[in-house]
Amino acid sequence: MTRYIKTAVILFLICAICTALCALVNEVTAPVIAANTENDRLSALSDVAAGLEIGEQVDVGDGTVNYYIPLSDGGGIKGYIVELSASGYGGAMTVIASYGDDGSLMQAKLTANSETPGLGKKAEDPGYMDMFIGLGADEPLPASKSDLSAEDNAAVSGASVTFGGISSALISGSDFVKGLGGAV
């Protein structure tokens, strides 16, 4: 009986020490991770701003649109940056996109995602979003692979779910911006 109690106490102490060490590591690394995440977000905003001034963030949180930020050239509003939530093959994805005030896509960048390397991860490549740029105002954004040219269709081959999630999010973003128009 004493042997079992001794073993239980030893195991309890090992678990307590491991828990304390994990908490210490978390305490040290959490602020660094948060700072890196914010720097990545600010870099993505700058990448899609198309040289325009970035305004103040307005939270939305409607399921697809998380927030928007007006873009201006010093005068009036020329467009918006919109953070969009999408669902891909690997789960949740985050897309940061800029739109003209008419809903046309200026730039887009896939940020947070867990897509399959070599397939869905291709959406992180700089040229991937080019198939969407300029669309959304007069000409609709592609909703399915059949709406793409043969070259773009080949680029998304094997990653249809990722493409569908990004496409759906970008269409929602365009519709949202069209609803905003040029005024906040």
C-alpha atoms as a PDB file:
ATOM      1  CA  MET A   1       0.000   0.000   0.000  1.00  0.00           C
ATOM      2  CA  THR A   2       2.794   2.413   0.921  1.00  0.00           C
ATOM      3  CA  ARG A   3       4.462   1.687  -2.396  1.00  0.00           C
ATOM      4  CA  TYR A   4       1.332   2.828  -4.298  1.00  0.00           C
ATOM      5  CA  ILE A   5       1.070   6.054  -2.312  1.00  0.00           C
ATOM      6  CA  LYS A   6       4.756   6.788  -2.895  1.00  0.00           C
ATOM      7  CA  THR A   7       4.327   6.185  -6.663  1.00  0.00           C
ATOM      8  CA  ALA A   8       1.217   8.405  -6.744  1.00  0.00           C
ATOM      9  CA  VAL A   9       3.017  11.232  -4.917  1.00  0.00           C
ATOM     10  CA  ILE A  10       5.987  11.005  -7.307  1.00  0.00           C
ATOM     11  CA  LEU A  11       3.702  11.084 -10.343  1.00  0.00           C
ATOM     12  CA  PHE A  12       1.784  14.025  -8.869  1.00  0.00           C
ATOM     13  CA  LEU A  13       5.021  15.967  -8.341  1.00  0.00           C
ATOM     14  CA  ILE A  14       6.207  15.215 -11.869  1.00  0.00           C
ATOM     15  CA  CYS A  15       2.881  16.474 -13.260  1.00  0.00           C
ATOM     16  CA  ALA A  16       2.967  19.583 -11.076  1.00  0.00           C
ATOM     17  CA  ILE A  17       6.509  20.431 -12.198  1.00  0.00           C
ATOM     18  CA  CYS A  18       5.625  19.869 -15.870  1.00  0.00           C
ATOM     19  CA  THR A  19       2.523  22.044 -15.520  1.00  0.00           C
ATOM     20  CA  ALA A  20       4.542  24.829 -13.899  1.00  0.00           C
ATOM     21  CA  LEU A  21       7.159  24.653 -16.669  1.00  0.00           C
ATOM     22  CA  CYS A  22       4.504  24.775 -19.385  1.00  0.00           C
ATOM     23  CA  ALA A  23       2.896  27.800 -17.719  1.00  0.00           C
ATOM     24  CA  LEU A  24       6.289  29.534 -17.528  1.00  0.00           C
ATOM     25  CA  VAL A  25       7.035  28.861 -21.197  1.00  0.00           C
ATOM     26  CA  ASN A  26       3.591  30.174 -22.133  1.00  0.00           C
ATOM     27  CA  GLU A  27       4.130  33.303 -20.026  1.00  0.00           C
ATOM     28  CA  VAL A  28       7.380  34.021 -21.848  1.00  0.00           C
ATOM     29  CA  THR A  29       6.281  33.184 -25.400  1.00  0.00           C
ATOM     30  CA  ALA A  30       2.674  34.483 -25.490  1.00  0.00           C
ATOM     31  CA  PRO A  31       3.613  38.195 -25.808  1.00  0.00           C
ATOM     32  CA  VAL A  32       6.170  37.410 -28.531  1.00  0.00           C
ATOM     33  CA  ILE A  33       3.631  35.361 -30.489  1.00  0.00           C
ATOM     34  CA  ALA A  34       1.014  38.123 -30.139  1.00  0.00           C
ATOM     35  CA  ALA A  35       3.509  40.765 -31.345  1.00  0.00           C
ATOM     36  CA  ASN A  36       4.519  38.623 -34.346  1.00  0.00           C
ATOM     37  CA  THR A  37       0.871  38.022 -35.246  1.00  0.00           C
ATOM     38  CA  GLU A  38       0.124  41.764 -35.118  1.00  0.00           C
ATOM     39  CA  ASN A  39       3.218  42.557 -37.224  1.00  0.00           C
ATOM     40  CA  ASP A  40       2.083  40.004 -39.818  1.00  0.00           C
ATOM     41  CA  ARG A  41      -1.388  41.582 -39.868  1.00  0.00           C
ATOM     42  CA  LEU A  42       0.018  45.099 -40.318  1.00  0.00           C
ATOM     43  CA  SER A  43       2.313  43.853 -43.086  1.00  0.00           C
ATOM     44  CA  ALA A  44      -0.659  42.248 -44.869  1.00  0.00           C
ATOM     45  CA  LEU A  45      -2.655  45.491 -44.555  1.00  0.00           C
ATOM     46  CA  SER A  46       0.223  47.425 -46.073  1.00  0.00           C
ATOM     47  CA  ASP A  47       0.580  44.855 -48.879  1.00  0.00           C
ATOM     48  CA  VAL A  48      -3.050  45.197 -49.982  1.00  0.00           C
ATOM     49  CA  ALA A  49      -3.471  48.965 -49.397  1.00  0.00           C
ATOM     50  CA  ALA A  50      -2.328  49.761 -52.972  1.00  0.00           C
ATOM     51  CA  GLY A  51      -0.432  52.826 -51.752  1.00  0.00           C
ATOM     52  CA  LEU A  52      -3.506  54.441 -50.205  1.00  0.00           C
ATOM     53  CA  GLU A  53      -3.760  55.770 -46.650  1.00  0.00           C
ATOM     54  CA  ILE A  54      -5.087  53.208 -44.173  1.00  0.00           C
ATOM     55  CA  GLY A  55      -7.851  54.554 -41.931  1.00  0.00           C
ATOM     56  CA  GLU A  56      -9.296  53.326 -38.641  1.00  0.00           C
ATOM     57  CA  GLN A  57     -10.565  49.773 -38.261  1.00  0.00           C
ATOM     58  CA  VAL A  58     -14.319  49.267 -37.899  1.00  0.00           C
ATOM     59  CA  ASP A  59     -15.313  45.886 -36.428  1.00  0.00           C
ATOM     60  CA  VAL A  60     -18.206  44.059 -38.078  1.00  0.00           C
ATOM     61  CA  GLY A  61     -18.057  40.362 -37.107  1.00  0.00           C
ATOM     62  CA  ASP A  62     -20.960  39.147 -39.247  1.00  0.00           C
ATOM     63  CA  GLY A  63     -19.483  35.690 -39.810  1.00  0.00           C
ATOM     64  CA  THR A  64     -17.647  36.412 -43.059  1.00  0.00           C
ATOM     65  CA  VAL A  65     -16.559  40.041 -42.686  1.00  0.00           C
ATOM     66  CA  ASN A  66     -14.564  40.548 -39.499  1.00  0.00           C
ATOM     67  CA  TYR A  67     -13.724  44.234 -39.961  1.00  0.00           C
ATOM     68  CA  TYR A  68     -13.147  46.877 -42.601  1.00  0.00           C
ATOM     69  CA  ILE A  69     -10.779  49.814 -42.887  1.00  0.00           C
ATOM     70  CA  PRO A  70     -11.387  52.790 -45.182  1.00  0.00           C
ATOM     71  CA  LEU A  71      -8.673  53.656 -47.708  1.00  0.00           C
ATOM     72  CA  SER A  72      -8.178  57.230 -48.850  1.00  0.00           C
ATOM     73  CA  ASP A  73      -5.771  59.288 -50.914  1.00  0.00           C
ATOM     74  CA  GLY A  74      -5.847  62.237 -48.523  1.00  0.00           C
ATOM     75  CA  GLY A  75      -9.223  63.347 -49.836  1.00  0.00           C
ATOM     76  CA  GLY A  76     -12.197  61.051 -50.035  1.00  0.00           C
ATOM     77  CA  ILE A  77     -12.559  57.334 -49.537  1.00  0.00           C
ATOM     78  CA  LYS A  78     -11.186  55.371 -52.491  1.00  0.00           C
ATOM     79  CA  GLY A  79     -11.817  51.885 -51.163  1.00  0.00           C
ATOM     80  CA  TYR A  80     -11.718  49.538 -48.212  1.00  0.00           C
ATOM     81  CA  ILE A  81      -9.584  46.817 -46.722  1.00  0.00           C
ATOM     82  CA  VAL A  82     -11.754  43.959 -45.500  1.00  0.00           C
ATOM     83  CA  GLU A  83     -10.718  40.986 -43.358  1.00  0.00           C
ATOM     84  CA  LEU A  84     -12.719  37.937 -44.391  1.00  0.00           C
ATOM     85  CA  SER A  85     -13.214  34.534 -42.805  1.00  0.00           C
ATOM     86  CA  ALA A  86     -13.409  31.557 -45.129  1.00  0.00           C
ATOM     87  CA  SER A  87     -13.486  27.810 -44.853  1.00  0.00           C
ATOM     88  CA  GLY A  88     -11.050  25.669 -46.824  1.00  0.00           C
ATOM     89  CA  TYR A  89     -10.012  22.033 -46.933  1.00  0.00           C
ATOM     90  CA  GLY A  90      -7.781  22.464 -43.871  1.00  0.00           C
ATOM     91  CA  GLY A  91     -10.351  24.462 -41.889  1.00  0.00           C
ATOM     92  CA  ALA A  92     -10.650  28.171 -41.200  1.00  0.00           C
ATOM     93  CA  MET A  93      -8.818  30.663 -43.427  1.00  0.00           C
ATOM     94  CA  THR A  94      -8.377  34.411 -43.171  1.00  0.00           C
ATOM     95  CA  VAL A  95      -8.199  36.596 -46.278  1.00  0.00           C
ATOM     96  CA  ILE A  96      -7.297  40.274 -46.209  1.00  0.00           C
ATOM     97  CA  ALA A  97      -8.489  42.056 -49.341  1.00  0.00           C
ATOM     98  CA  SER A  98      -8.729  45.609 -50.615  1.00  0.00           C
ATOM     99  CA  TYR A  99     -11.602  46.764 -52.787  1.00  0.00           C
ATOM    100  CA  GLY A 100     -12.381  49.916 -54.702  1.00  0.00           C
ATOM    101  CA  ASP A 101     -15.515  51.646 -53.452  1.00  0.00           C
ATOM    102  CA  ASP A 102     -17.352  50.032 -56.406  1.00  0.00           C
ATOM    103  CA  GLY A 103     -16.589  46.535 -55.059  1.00  0.00           C
ATOM    104  CA  SER A 104     -13.763  45.719 -57.489  1.00  0.00           C
ATOM    105  CA  LEU A 105     -10.931  43.734 -55.938  1.00  0.00           C
ATOM    106  CA  MET A 106      -7.636  45.643 -55.845  1.00  0.00           C
ATOM    107  CA  GLN A 107      -5.436  43.178 -53.906  1.00  0.00           C
ATOM    108  CA  ALA A 108      -5.909  40.109 -51.714  1.00  0.00           C
ATOM    109  CA  LYS A 109      -3.713  38.019 -49.462  1.00  0.00           C
ATOM    110  CA  LEU A 110      -4.370  34.713 -47.731  1.00  0.00           C
ATOM    111  CA  THR A 111      -3.026  34.987 -44.191  1.00  0.00           C
ATOM    112  CA  ALA A 112      -4.053  32.413 -41.583  1.00  0.00           C
ATOM    113  CA  ASN A 113      -4.766  28.933 -42.952  1.00  0.00           C
ATOM    114  CA  SER A 114      -4.089  25.228 -42.523  1.00  0.00           C
ATOM    115  CA  GLU A 115      -4.329  24.211 -46.156  1.00  0.00           C
ATOM    116  CA  THR A 116      -2.505  21.248 -47.667  1.00  0.00           C
ATOM    117  CA  PRO A 117       1.122  21.987 -48.624  1.00  0.00           C
ATOM    118  CA  GLY A 118       1.607  21.854 -52.396  1.00  0.00           C
ATOM    119  CA  LEU A 119      -2.117  22.189 -53.106  1.00  0.00           C
ATOM    120  CA  GLY A 120      -4.177  24.640 -51.039  1.00  0.00           C
ATOM    121  CA  LYS A 121      -1.025  26.425 -49.836  1.00  0.00           C
ATOM    122  CA  LYS A 122      -0.580  27.633 -53.431  1.00  0.00           C
ATOM    123  CA  ALA A 123      -3.148  30.286 -52.523  1.00  0.00           C
ATOM    124  CA  GLU A 124      -0.406  31.990 -50.492  1.00  0.00           C
ATOM    125  CA  ASP A 125       1.713  32.460 -53.623  1.00  0.00           C
ATOM    126  CA  PRO A 126       1.879  36.096 -54.819  1.00  0.00           C
ATOM    127  CA  GLY A 127       0.327  35.408 -58.255  1.00  0.00           C
ATOM    128  CA  TYR A 128      -2.569  33.242 -57.051  1.00  0.00           C
ATOM    129  CA  MET A 129      -4.921  36.126 -56.301  1.00  0.00           C
ATOM    130  CA  ASP A 130      -4.268  37.749 -59.707  1.00  0.00           C
ATOM    131  CA  MET A 131      -7.180  35.785 -61.185  1.00  0.00           C
ATOM    132  CA  PHE A 132      -9.541  37.814 -58.963  1.00  0.00           C
ATOM    133  CA  ILE A 133      -8.010  41.304 -59.281  1.00  0.00           C
ATOM    134  CA  GLY A 134     -10.141  43.884 -61.061  1.00  0.00           C
ATOM    135  CA  LEU A 135     -13.292  41.788 -60.796  1.00  0.00           C
ATOM    136  CA  GLY A 136     -16.305  42.365 -58.593  1.00  0.00           C
ATOM    137  CA  ALA A 137     -17.678  45.648 -59.916  1.00  0.00           C
ATOM    138  CA  ASP A 138     -18.966  45.273 -63.490  1.00  0.00           C
ATOM    139  CA  GLU A 139     -17.578  41.786 -64.046  1.00  0.00           C
ATOM    140  CA  PRO A 140     -18.404  39.255 -61.295  1.00  0.00           C
ATOM    141  CA  LEU A 141     -15.777  37.421 -59.296  1.00  0.00           C
ATOM    142  CA  PRO A 142     -15.481  33.735 -60.262  1.00  0.00           C
ATOM    143  CA  ALA A 143     -17.744  31.610 -58.071  1.00  0.00           C
ATOM    144  CA  SER A 144     -16.542  28.221 -59.363  1.00  0.00           C
ATOM    145  CA  LYS A 145     -13.678  26.713 -61.327  1.00  0.00           C
ATOM    146  CA  SER A 146     -15.842  26.708 -64.447  1.00  0.00           C
ATOM    147  CA  ASP A 147     -15.794  30.537 -64.361  1.00  0.00           C
ATOM    148  CA  LEU A 148     -11.994  30.555 -64.779  1.00  0.00           C
ATOM    149  CA  SER A 149      -9.802  30.567 -67.858  1.00  0.00           C
ATOM    150  CA  ALA A 150      -8.050  27.286 -68.708  1.00  0.00           C
ATOM    151  CA  GLU A 151      -4.765  28.617 -67.274  1.00  0.00           C
ATOM    152  CA  ASP A 152      -6.343  29.745 -63.981  1.00  0.00           C
ATOM    153  CA  ASN A 153      -8.332  26.511 -63.784  1.00  0.00           C
ATOM    154  CA  ALA A 154      -5.073  24.549 -63.980  1.00  0.00           C
ATOM    155  CA  ALA A 155      -3.584  26.744 -61.237  1.00  0.00           C
ATOM    156  CA  VAL A 156      -6.313  25.739 -58.779  1.00  0.00           C
ATOM    157  CA  SER A 157      -6.404  22.102 -59.828  1.00  0.00           C
ATOM    158  CA  GLY A 158      -6.349  19.809 -56.796  1.00  0.00           C
ATOM    159  CA  ALA A 159      -7.380  22.605 -54.471  1.00  0.00           C
ATOM    160  CA  SER A 160     -11.027  23.144 -55.369  1.00  0.00           C
ATOM    161  CA  VAL A 161     -12.175  23.493 -51.757  1.00  0.00           C
ATOM    162  CA  THR A 162      -9.545  26.145 -51.037  1.00  0.00           C
ATOM    163  CA  PHE A 163     -10.475  28.017 -54.217  1.00  0.00           C
ATOM    164  CA  GLY A 164     -14.176  27.822 -53.352  1.00  0.00           C
ATOM    165  CA  GLY A 165     -13.603  29.179 -49.853  1.00  0.00           C
ATOM    166  CA  ILE A 166     -11.465  32.072 -51.052  1.00  0.00           C
ATOM    167  CA  SER A 167     -13.823  32.848 -53.917  1.00  0.00           C
ATOM    168  CA  SER A 168     -16.869  32.821 -51.653  1.00  0.00           C
ATOM    169  CA  ALA A 169     -15.146  35.105 -49.142  1.00  0.00           C
ATOM    170  CA  LEU A 170     -14.019  37.557 -51.844  1.00  0.00           C
ATOM    171  CA  ILE A 171     -17.530  37.689 -53.310  1.00  0.00           C
ATOM    172  CA  SER A 172     -18.956  38.397 -49.837  1.00  0.00           C
ATOM    173  CA  GLY A 173     -16.346  41.125 -49.352  1.00  0.00           C
ATOM    174  CA  SER A 174     -17.207  42.713 -52.676  1.00  0.00           C
ATOM    175  CA  ASP A 175     -20.927  42.681 -51.862  1.00  0.00           C
ATOM    176  CA  PHE A 176     -20.196  44.159 -48.428  1.00  0.00           C
ATOM    177  CA  VAL A 177     -18.127  46.998 -49.925  1.00  0.00           C
ATOM    178  CA  LYS A 178     -20.799  47.706 -52.550  1.00  0.00           C
ATOM    179  CA  GLY A 179     -23.218  48.125 -49.641  1.00  0.00           C
ATOM    180  CA  LEU A 180     -20.868  50.638 -48.017  1.00  0.00           C
ATOM    181  CA  GLY A 181     -20.338  52.665 -51.174  1.00  0.00           C
ATOM    182  CA  GLY A 182     -18.025  55.662 -50.742  1.00  0.00           C
ATOM    183  CA  ALA A 183     -19.254  56.722 -47.311  1.00  0.00           C
ATOM    184  CA  VAL A 184     -18.630  55.251 -43.901  1.00  0.00           C
END
